[in-house]
């Protein structure tokens, strides 16, 4: 299994390129950290990727990810589907 970190690989486009190469070699793909941002790519990969959900960042979302039957529900909103909570961002602002 290939574990791909969205933030380190270079963003959405690079994540998709890596996933396509892995798929060509029949290597399953798993996201690393911030799985909620990688979830929409599941629909593009042709196979399900495996992930781990860590609720560390739930507090910054207007609607945090929902886990049902061991799976994070994919948002049906535009973009990545997650809206940040402005109040939470102000509380945690650094600098």
PDB file of N, CA and C in Angstrom:
ATOM      1  N   UNK A   1       0.841  -1.173   0.000  1.00  0.00           N
ATOM      2  CA  UNK A   1       0.000   0.000   0.000  1.00  0.00           C
ATOM      3  C   UNK A   1       0.889   1.239   0.000  1.00  0.00           C
ATOM      4  N   UNK A   2       0.497   2.214  -0.806  1.00  0.00           N
ATOM      5  CA  UNK A   2       1.208   3.479  -0.875  1.00  0.00           C
ATOM      6  C   UNK A   2       0.439   4.512  -0.052  1.00  0.00           C
ATOM      7  N   UNK A   3       1.121   5.161   0.885  1.00  0.00           N
ATOM      8  CA  UNK A   3       0.491   6.173   1.732  1.00  0.00           C
ATOM      9  C   UNK A   3       0.928   7.540   1.221  1.00  0.00           C
ATOM     10  N   UNK A   4      -0.062   8.355   0.823  1.00  0.00           N
ATOM     11  CA  UNK A   4       0.216   9.645   0.204  1.00  0.00           C
ATOM     12  C   UNK A   4      -0.289  10.764   1.111  1.00  0.00           C
ATOM     13  N   UNK A   5       0.559  11.717   1.397  1.00  0.00           N
ATOM     14  CA  UNK A   5       0.219  12.863   2.228  1.00  0.00           C
ATOM     15  C   UNK A   5      -0.098  14.040   1.312  1.00  0.00           C
ATOM     16  N   UNK A   6      -1.359  14.443   1.271  1.00  0.00           N
ATOM     17  CA  UNK A   6      -1.825  15.522   0.396  1.00  0.00           C
ATOM     18  C   UNK A   6      -0.990  16.788   0.554  1.00  0.00           C
ATOM     19  N   UNK A   7      -0.657  17.137   1.776  1.00  0.00           N
ATOM     20  CA  UNK A   7       0.076  18.372   2.028  1.00  0.00           C
ATOM     21  C   UNK A   7       1.531  18.291   1.561  1.00  0.00           C
ATOM     22  N   UNK A   8       2.112  17.123   1.580  1.00  0.00           N
ATOM     23  CA  UNK A   8       3.530  16.998   1.206  1.00  0.00           C
ATOM     24  C   UNK A   8       3.753  16.645  -0.251  1.00  0.00           C
ATOM     25  N   UNK A   9       2.761  16.016  -0.862  1.00  0.00           N
ATOM     26  CA  UNK A   9       2.948  15.584  -2.239  1.00  0.00           C
ATOM     27  C   UNK A   9       2.793  16.746  -3.224  1.00  0.00           C
ATOM     28  N   UNK A  10       2.198  17.838  -2.793  1.00  0.00           N
ATOM     29  CA  UNK A  10       2.081  19.004  -3.668  1.00  0.00           C
ATOM     30  C   UNK A  10       0.655  19.394  -3.995  1.00  0.00           C
ATOM     31  N   UNK A  11      -0.304  18.876  -3.253  1.00  0.00           N
ATOM     32  CA  UNK A  11      -1.698  19.282  -3.459  1.00  0.00           C
ATOM     33  C   UNK A  11      -2.502  18.260  -4.229  1.00  0.00           C
ATOM     34  N   UNK A  12      -3.668  18.699  -4.652  1.00  0.00           N
ATOM     35  CA  UNK A  12      -4.656  17.817  -5.275  1.00  0.00           C
ATOM     36  C   UNK A  12      -4.132  17.204  -6.572  1.00  0.00           C
ATOM     37  N   UNK A  13      -3.590  18.024  -7.456  1.00  0.00           N
ATOM     38  CA  UNK A  13      -3.130  17.515  -8.758  1.00  0.00           C
ATOM     39  C   UNK A  13      -2.053  16.459  -8.585  1.00  0.00           C
ATOM     40  N   UNK A  14      -1.087  16.727  -7.731  1.00  0.00           N
ATOM     41  CA  UNK A  14      -0.008  15.756  -7.529  1.00  0.00           C
ATOM     42  C   UNK A  14      -0.511  14.493  -6.836  1.00  0.00           C
ATOM     43  N   UNK A  15      -1.459  14.649  -5.906  1.00  0.00           N
ATOM     44  CA  UNK A  15      -2.037  13.482  -5.241  1.00  0.00           C
ATOM     45  C   UNK A  15      -2.674  12.575  -6.288  1.00  0.00           C
ATOM     46  N   UNK A  16      -3.421  13.171  -7.213  1.00  0.00           N
ATOM     47  CA  UNK A  16      -4.093  12.390  -8.251  1.00  0.00           C
ATOM     48  C   UNK A  16      -3.079  11.720  -9.181  1.00  0.00           C
ATOM     49  N   UNK A  17      -1.979  12.393  -9.478  1.00  0.00           N
ATOM     50  CA  UNK A  17      -0.943  11.794 -10.326  1.00  0.00           C
ATOM     51  C   UNK A  17      -0.310  10.588  -9.643  1.00  0.00           C
ATOM     52  N   UNK A  18      -0.013  10.731  -8.373  1.00  0.00           N
ATOM     53  CA  UNK A  18       0.572   9.622  -7.621  1.00  0.00           C
ATOM     54  C   UNK A  18      -0.408   8.451  -7.564  1.00  0.00           C
ATOM     55  N   UNK A  19      -1.687   8.750  -7.300  1.00  0.00           N
ATOM     56  CA  UNK A  19      -2.707   7.698  -7.230  1.00  0.00           C
ATOM     57  C   UNK A  19      -2.843   6.981  -8.571  1.00  0.00           C
ATOM     58  N   UNK A  20      -2.755   7.728  -9.679  1.00  0.00           N
ATOM     59  CA  UNK A  20      -2.857   7.117 -11.011  1.00  0.00           C
ATOM     60  C   UNK A  20      -1.673   6.186 -11.273  1.00  0.00           C
ATOM     61  N   UNK A  21      -0.477   6.622 -10.870  1.00  0.00           N
ATOM     62  CA  UNK A  21       0.694   5.744 -11.040  1.00  0.00           C
ATOM     63  C   UNK A  21       0.552   4.484 -10.200  1.00  0.00           C
ATOM     64  N   UNK A  22       0.081   4.645  -8.972  1.00  0.00           N
ATOM     65  CA  UNK A  22      -0.106   3.483  -8.099  1.00  0.00           C
ATOM     66  C   UNK A  22      -1.138   2.533  -8.700  1.00  0.00           C
ATOM     67  N   UNK A  23      -2.222   3.090  -9.212  1.00  0.00           N
ATOM     68  CA  UNK A  23      -3.271   2.260  -9.804  1.00  0.00           C
ATOM     69  C   UNK A  23      -2.737   1.491 -11.008  1.00  0.00           C
ATOM     70  N   UNK A  24      -1.867   2.128 -11.798  1.00  0.00           N
ATOM     71  CA  UNK A  24      -1.293   1.451 -12.963  1.00  0.00           C
ATOM     72  C   UNK A  24      -0.477   0.225 -12.559  1.00  0.00           C
ATOM     73  N   UNK A  25       0.085   0.258 -11.356  1.00  0.00           N
ATOM     74  CA  UNK A  25       0.886  -0.850 -10.852  1.00  0.00           C
ATOM     75  C   UNK A  25       0.088  -1.721  -9.872  1.00  0.00           C
ATOM     76  N   UNK A  26      -1.224  -1.497  -9.787  1.00  0.00           N
ATOM     77  CA  UNK A  26      -2.127  -2.260  -8.911  1.00  0.00           C
ATOM     78  C   UNK A  26      -1.721  -2.163  -7.447  1.00  0.00           C
ATOM     79  N   UNK A  27      -1.289  -0.978  -7.064  1.00  0.00           N
ATOM     80  CA  UNK A  27      -0.898  -0.710  -5.679  1.00  0.00           C
ATOM     81  C   UNK A  27      -2.011   0.104  -5.024  1.00  0.00           C
ATOM     82  N   UNK A  28      -2.602  -0.381  -3.940  1.00  0.00           N
ATOM     83  CA  UNK A  28      -3.645   0.398  -3.265  1.00  0.00           C
ATOM     84  C   UNK A  28      -3.066   1.679  -2.665  1.00  0.00           C
ATOM     85  N   UNK A  29      -3.904   2.695  -2.598  1.00  0.00           N
ATOM     86  CA  UNK A  29      -3.500   4.007  -2.099  1.00  0.00           C
ATOM     87  C   UNK A  29      -4.228   4.315  -0.800  1.00  0.00           C
ATOM     88  N   UNK A  30      -3.505   4.908   0.130  1.00  0.00           N
ATOM     89  CA  UNK A  30      -4.107   5.383   1.371  1.00  0.00           C
ATOM     90  C   UNK A  30      -3.655   6.823   1.591  1.00  0.00           C
ATOM     91  N   UNK A  31      -4.578   7.651   2.026  1.00  0.00           N
ATOM     92  CA  UNK A  31      -4.177   9.019   2.342  1.00  0.00           C
ATOM     93  C   UNK A  31      -3.520   9.027   3.717  1.00  0.00           C
ATOM     94  N   UNK A  32      -2.768  10.065   3.964  1.00  0.00           N
ATOM     95  CA  UNK A  32      -2.092  10.204   5.254  1.00  0.00           C
ATOM     96  C   UNK A  32      -2.464  11.548   5.846  1.00  0.00           C
ATOM     97  N   UNK A  33      -3.103  11.530   7.003  1.00  0.00           N
ATOM     98  CA  UNK A  33      -3.551  12.726   7.698  1.00  0.00           C
ATOM     99  C   UNK A  33      -4.555  13.529   6.867  1.00  0.00           C
ATOM    100  N   UNK A  34      -5.416  14.233   7.534  1.00  0.00           N
ATOM    101  CA  UNK A  34      -6.443  15.059   6.891  1.00  0.00           C
ATOM    102  C   UNK A  34      -7.223  14.268   5.839  1.00  0.00           C
ATOM    103  N   UNK A  35      -7.626  13.055   6.208  1.00  0.00           N
ATOM    104  CA  UNK A  35      -8.371  12.219   5.265  1.00  0.00           C
ATOM    105  C   UNK A  35      -9.615  12.910   4.736  1.00  0.00           C
ATOM    106  N   UNK A  36     -10.206  13.803   5.538  1.00  0.00           N
ATOM    107  CA  UNK A  36     -11.421  14.463   5.075  1.00  0.00           C
ATOM    108  C   UNK A  36     -11.185  15.255   3.790  1.00  0.00           C
ATOM    109  N   UNK A  37      -9.964  15.722   3.559  1.00  0.00           N
ATOM    110  CA  UNK A  37      -9.669  16.441   2.330  1.00  0.00           C
ATOM    111  C   UNK A  37      -9.381  15.497   1.167  1.00  0.00           C
ATOM    112  N   UNK A  38      -8.962  14.302   1.447  1.00  0.00           N
ATOM    113  CA  UNK A  38      -8.655  13.322   0.408  1.00  0.00           C
ATOM    114  C   UNK A  38      -9.877  12.495   0.002  1.00  0.00           C
ATOM    115  N   UNK A  39     -10.933  12.539   0.778  1.00  0.00           N
ATOM    116  CA  UNK A  39     -12.112  11.720   0.499  1.00  0.00           C
ATOM    117  C   UNK A  39     -12.679  11.888  -0.911  1.00  0.00           C
ATOM    118  N   UNK A  40     -12.832  13.109  -1.426  1.00  0.00           N
ATOM    119  CA  UNK A  40     -13.400  13.231  -2.771  1.00  0.00           C
ATOM    120  C   UNK A  40     -12.586  12.519  -3.841  1.00  0.00           C
ATOM    121  N   UNK A  41     -11.291  12.322  -3.611  1.00  0.00           N
ATOM    122  CA  UNK A  41     -10.457  11.658  -4.606  1.00  0.00           C
ATOM    123  C   UNK A  41     -10.804  10.184  -4.718  1.00  0.00           C
ATOM    124  N   UNK A  42     -11.418   9.643  -3.672  1.00  0.00           N
ATOM    125  CA  UNK A  42     -11.848   8.245  -3.676  1.00  0.00           C
ATOM    126  C   UNK A  42     -12.722   7.969  -4.892  1.00  0.00           C
ATOM    127  N   UNK A  43     -13.573   8.893  -5.193  1.00  0.00           N
ATOM    128  CA  UNK A  43     -14.481   8.726  -6.331  1.00  0.00           C
ATOM    129  C   UNK A  43     -13.743   8.748  -7.658  1.00  0.00           C
ATOM    130  N   UNK A  44     -12.567   9.334  -7.687  1.00  0.00           N
ATOM    131  CA  UNK A  44     -11.796   9.459  -8.923  1.00  0.00           C
ATOM    132  C   UNK A  44     -10.829   8.312  -9.137  1.00  0.00           C
ATOM    133  N   UNK A  45     -10.510   7.583  -8.093  1.00  0.00           N
ATOM    134  CA  UNK A  45      -9.443   6.571  -8.172  1.00  0.00           C
ATOM    135  C   UNK A  45      -9.895   5.242  -8.743  1.00  0.00           C
ATOM    136  N   UNK A  46     -11.173   5.019  -8.817  1.00  0.00           N
ATOM    137  CA  UNK A  46     -11.651   3.749  -9.343  1.00  0.00           C
ATOM    138  C   UNK A  46     -11.641   2.629  -8.310  1.00  0.00           C
ATOM    139  N   UNK A  47     -11.062   2.869  -7.164  1.00  0.00           N
ATOM    140  CA  UNK A  47     -11.077   1.891  -6.082  1.00  0.00           C
ATOM    141  C   UNK A  47     -11.073   2.658  -4.764  1.00  0.00           C
ATOM    142  N   UNK A  48     -11.497   2.011  -3.736  1.00  0.00           N
ATOM    143  CA  UNK A  48     -11.531   2.683  -2.437  1.00  0.00           C
ATOM    144  C   UNK A  48     -10.130   2.740  -1.848  1.00  0.00           C
ATOM    145  N   UNK A  49      -9.792   3.876  -1.289  1.00  0.00           N
ATOM    146  CA  UNK A  49      -8.538   3.938  -0.568  1.00  0.00           C
ATOM    147  C   UNK A  49      -8.839   3.793   0.910  1.00  0.00           C
ATOM    148  N   UNK A  50      -7.844   3.426   1.647  1.00  0.00           N
ATOM    149  CA  UNK A  50      -7.993   3.223   3.079  1.00  0.00           C
ATOM    150  C   UNK A  50      -7.473   4.452   3.799  1.00  0.00           C
ATOM    151  N   UNK A  51      -8.089   4.780   4.892  1.00  0.00           N
ATOM    152  CA  UNK A  51      -7.628   5.934   5.643  1.00  0.00           C
ATOM    153  C   UNK A  51      -7.909   5.771   7.121  1.00  0.00           C
ATOM    154  N   UNK A  52      -7.378   6.695   7.846  1.00  0.00           N
ATOM    155  CA  UNK A  52      -7.629   6.741   9.285  1.00  0.00           C
ATOM    156  C   UNK A  52      -8.215   8.104   9.583  1.00  0.00           C
ATOM    157  N   UNK A  53      -9.225   8.130  10.395  1.00  0.00           N
ATOM    158  CA  UNK A  53      -9.836   9.402  10.750  1.00  0.00           C
ATOM    159  C   UNK A  53      -9.402   9.803  12.149  1.00  0.00           C
ATOM    160  N   UNK A  54      -8.783  10.952  12.247  1.00  0.00           N
ATOM    161  CA  UNK A  54      -8.366  11.512  13.528  1.00  0.00           C
ATOM    162  C   UNK A  54      -9.141  12.813  13.712  1.00  0.00           C
ATOM    163  N   UNK A  55      -9.976  12.922  14.714  1.00  0.00           N
ATOM    164  CA  UNK A  55     -10.831  14.109  14.865  1.00  0.00           C
ATOM    165  C   UNK A  55     -10.117  15.335  15.441  1.00  0.00           C
ATOM    166  N   UNK A  56      -8.826  15.435  15.245  1.00  0.00           N
ATOM    167  CA  UNK A  56      -8.051  16.534  15.812  1.00  0.00           C
ATOM    168  C   UNK A  56      -8.562  17.902  15.386  1.00  0.00           C
ATOM    169  N   UNK A  57      -9.027  18.017  14.145  1.00  0.00           N
ATOM    170  CA  UNK A  57      -9.372  19.320  13.580  1.00  0.00           C
ATOM    171  C   UNK A  57     -10.873  19.558  13.489  1.00  0.00           C
ATOM    172  N   UNK A  58     -11.685  18.689  14.035  1.00  0.00           N
ATOM    173  CA  UNK A  58     -13.147  18.849  13.949  1.00  0.00           C
ATOM    174  C   UNK A  58     -13.619  20.220  14.408  1.00  0.00           C
ATOM    175  N   UNK A  59     -12.948  20.784  15.389  1.00  0.00           N
ATOM    176  CA  UNK A  59     -13.378  22.041  15.983  1.00  0.00           C
ATOM    177  C   UNK A  59     -13.320  23.215  14.999  1.00  0.00           C
ATOM    178  N   UNK A  60     -12.533  23.120  13.920  1.00  0.00           N
ATOM    179  CA  UNK A  60     -12.424  24.248  12.992  1.00  0.00           C
ATOM    180  C   UNK A  60     -13.445  24.201  11.859  1.00  0.00           C
ATOM    181  N   UNK A  61     -14.239  23.130  11.780  1.00  0.00           N
ATOM    182  CA  UNK A  61     -15.231  23.006  10.708  1.00  0.00           C
ATOM    183  C   UNK A  61     -16.615  23.416  11.185  1.00  0.00           C
ATOM    184  N   UNK A  62     -17.404  24.009  10.270  1.00  0.00           N
ATOM    185  CA  UNK A  62     -18.798  24.298  10.593  1.00  0.00           C
ATOM    186  C   UNK A  62     -19.548  22.989  10.824  1.00  0.00           C
ATOM    187  N   UNK A  63     -19.296  22.021   9.967  1.00  0.00           N
ATOM    188  CA  UNK A  63     -19.858  20.674  10.127  1.00  0.00           C
ATOM    189  C   UNK A  63     -18.682  19.698  10.078  1.00  0.00           C
ATOM    190  N   UNK A  64     -18.283  19.147  11.212  1.00  0.00           N
ATOM    191  CA  UNK A  64     -17.155  18.206  11.190  1.00  0.00           C
ATOM    192  C   UNK A  64     -17.520  16.917  10.448  1.00  0.00           C
ATOM    193  N   UNK A  65     -16.520  16.175  10.015  1.00  0.00           N
ATOM    194  CA  UNK A  65     -16.780  14.909   9.327  1.00  0.00           C
ATOM    195  C   UNK A  65     -17.679  13.997  10.164  1.00  0.00           C
ATOM    196  N   UNK A  66     -18.553  13.275   9.472  1.00  0.00           N
ATOM    197  CA  UNK A  66     -19.430  12.318  10.138  1.00  0.00           C
ATOM    198  C   UNK A  66     -18.961  10.906   9.789  1.00  0.00           C
ATOM    199  N   UNK A  67     -18.807  10.108  10.822  1.00  0.00           N
ATOM    200  CA  UNK A  67     -18.398   8.721  10.628  1.00  0.00           C
ATOM    201  C   UNK A  67     -19.619   7.846  10.828  1.00  0.00           C
ATOM    202  N   UNK A  68     -19.898   6.999   9.843  1.00  0.00           N
ATOM    203  CA  UNK A  68     -21.057   6.108   9.907  1.00  0.00           C
ATOM    204  C   UNK A  68     -20.618   4.718   9.439  1.00  0.00           C
ATOM    205  N   UNK A  69     -20.828   3.734  10.280  1.00  0.00           N
ATOM    206  CA  UNK A  69     -20.456   2.349   9.968  1.00  0.00           C
ATOM    207  C   UNK A  69     -18.982   2.224   9.578  1.00  0.00           C
ATOM    208  N   UNK A  70     -18.133   2.984  10.253  1.00  0.00           N
ATOM    209  CA  UNK A  70     -16.703   2.886  10.011  1.00  0.00           C
ATOM    210  C   UNK A  70     -16.196   3.645   8.799  1.00  0.00           C
ATOM    211  N   UNK A  71     -17.053   4.458   8.182  1.00  0.00           N
ATOM    212  CA  UNK A  71     -16.664   5.223   6.997  1.00  0.00           C
ATOM    213  C   UNK A  71     -16.992   6.694   7.198  1.00  0.00           C
ATOM    214  N   UNK A  72     -16.114   7.556   6.719  1.00  0.00           N
ATOM    215  CA  UNK A  72     -16.396   8.987   6.750  1.00  0.00           C
ATOM    216  C   UNK A  72     -17.320   9.285   5.578  1.00  0.00           C
ATOM    217  N   UNK A  73     -18.401   9.993   5.854  1.00  0.00           N
ATOM    218  CA  UNK A  73     -19.339  10.353   4.792  1.00  0.00           C
ATOM    219  C   UNK A  73     -18.735  11.458   3.932  1.00  0.00           C
ATOM    220  N   UNK A  74     -18.822  11.302   2.627  1.00  0.00           N
ATOM    221  CA  UNK A  74     -18.306  12.298   1.699  1.00  0.00           C
ATOM    222  C   UNK A  74     -19.333  13.417   1.575  1.00  0.00           C
ATOM    223  N   UNK A  75     -18.860  14.650   1.720  1.00  0.00           N
ATOM    224  CA  UNK A  75     -19.745  15.805   1.624  1.00  0.00           C
ATOM    225  C   UNK A  75     -20.202  15.980   0.178  1.00  0.00           C
ATOM    226  N   UNK A  76     -21.428  16.436   0.005  1.00  0.00           N
ATOM    227  CA  UNK A  76     -21.983  16.670  -1.326  1.00  0.00           C
ATOM    228  C   UNK A  76     -21.990  18.152  -1.658  1.00  0.00           C
ATOM    229  N   UNK A  77     -21.038  18.896  -1.113  1.00  0.00           N
ATOM    230  CA  UNK A  77     -20.934  20.331  -1.347  1.00  0.00           C
ATOM    231  C   UNK A  77     -19.835  20.601  -2.365  1.00  0.00           C
ATOM    232  N   UNK A  78     -19.831  21.801  -2.956  1.00  0.00           N
ATOM    233  CA  UNK A  78     -18.780  22.134  -3.933  1.00  0.00           C
ATOM    234  C   UNK A  78     -17.386  22.089  -3.318  1.00  0.00           C
ATOM    235  N   UNK A  79     -16.403  21.941  -4.166  1.00  0.00           N
ATOM    236  CA  UNK A  79     -15.016  21.899  -3.714  1.00  0.00           C
ATOM    237  C   UNK A  79     -14.759  20.652  -2.889  1.00  0.00           C
ATOM    238  N   UNK A  80     -14.000  20.807  -1.837  1.00  0.00           N
ATOM    239  CA  UNK A  80     -13.717  19.674  -0.959  1.00  0.00           C
ATOM    240  C   UNK A  80     -14.864  19.410   0.007  1.00  0.00           C
ATOM    241  N   UNK A  81     -15.792  20.372   0.119  1.00  0.00           N
ATOM    242  CA  UNK A  81     -16.995  20.155   0.903  1.00  0.00           C
ATOM    243  C   UNK A  81     -16.943  20.605   2.345  1.00  0.00           C
ATOM    244  N   UNK A  82     -15.832  21.113   2.780  1.00  0.00           N
ATOM    245  CA  UNK A  82     -15.689  21.501   4.180  1.00  0.00           C
ATOM    246  C   UNK A  82     -15.646  23.016   4.306  1.00  0.00           C
ATOM    247  N   UNK A  83     -16.440  23.537   5.220  1.00  0.00           N
ATOM    248  CA  UNK A  83     -16.435  24.975   5.481  1.00  0.00           C
ATOM    249  C   UNK A  83     -15.842  25.217   6.862  1.00  0.00           C
ATOM    250  N   UNK A  84     -14.923  26.158   6.918  1.00  0.00           N
ATOM    251  CA  UNK A  84     -14.266  26.459   8.181  1.00  0.00           C
ATOM    252  C   UNK A  84     -15.143  27.360   9.043  1.00  0.00           C
ATOM    253  N   UNK A  85     -15.057  27.194  10.340  1.00  0.00           N
ATOM    254  CA  UNK A  85     -15.793  27.998  11.308  1.00  0.00           C
ATOM    255  C   UNK A  85     -14.958  29.236  11.622  1.00  0.00           C
ATOM    256  N   UNK A  86     -15.440  30.406  11.204  1.00  0.00           N
ATOM    257  CA  UNK A  86     -14.682  31.653  11.385  1.00  0.00           C
ATOM    258  C   UNK A  86     -14.384  31.918  12.849  1.00  0.00           C
ATOM    259  N   UNK A  87     -15.330  31.641  13.738  1.00  0.00           N
ATOM    260  CA  UNK A  87     -15.120  31.858  15.172  1.00  0.00           C
ATOM    261  C   UNK A  87     -13.995  30.991  15.719  1.00  0.00           C
ATOM    262  N   UNK A  88     -13.955  29.739  15.290  1.00  0.00           N
ATOM    263  CA  UNK A  88     -12.895  28.835  15.753  1.00  0.00           C
ATOM    264  C   UNK A  88     -11.540  29.307  15.220  1.00  0.00           C
ATOM    265  N   UNK A  89     -11.511  29.770  13.986  1.00  0.00           N
ATOM    266  CA  UNK A  89     -10.248  30.229  13.416  1.00  0.00           C
ATOM    267  C   UNK A  89      -9.724  31.448  14.186  1.00  0.00           C
ATOM    268  N   UNK A  90     -10.612  32.337  14.574  1.00  0.00           N
ATOM    269  CA  UNK A  90     -10.197  33.511  15.358  1.00  0.00           C
ATOM    270  C   UNK A  90      -9.646  33.087  16.715  1.00  0.00           C
ATOM    271  N   UNK A  91     -10.306  32.103  17.355  1.00  0.00           N
ATOM    272  CA  UNK A  91      -9.841  31.643  18.666  1.00  0.00           C
ATOM    273  C   UNK A  91      -8.461  31.015  18.607  1.00  0.00           C
ATOM    274  N   UNK A  92      -8.144  30.361  17.492  1.00  0.00           N
ATOM    275  CA  UNK A  92      -6.880  29.636  17.396  1.00  0.00           C
ATOM    276  C   UNK A  92      -5.840  30.382  16.575  1.00  0.00           C
ATOM    277  N   UNK A  93      -6.120  31.622  16.204  1.00  0.00           N
ATOM    278  CA  UNK A  93      -5.189  32.403  15.401  1.00  0.00           C
ATOM    279  C   UNK A  93      -3.864  32.583  16.129  1.00  0.00           C
ATOM    280  N   UNK A  94      -2.803  32.408  15.394  1.00  0.00           N
ATOM    281  CA  UNK A  94      -1.463  32.573  15.964  1.00  0.00           C
ATOM    282  C   UNK A  94      -0.820  33.783  15.321  1.00  0.00           C
ATOM    283  N   UNK A  95      -0.114  34.543  16.116  1.00  0.00           N
ATOM    284  CA  UNK A  95       0.658  35.654  15.587  1.00  0.00           C
ATOM    285  C   UNK A  95      -0.065  36.942  15.423  1.00  0.00           C
TER     286      UNK A  95
END
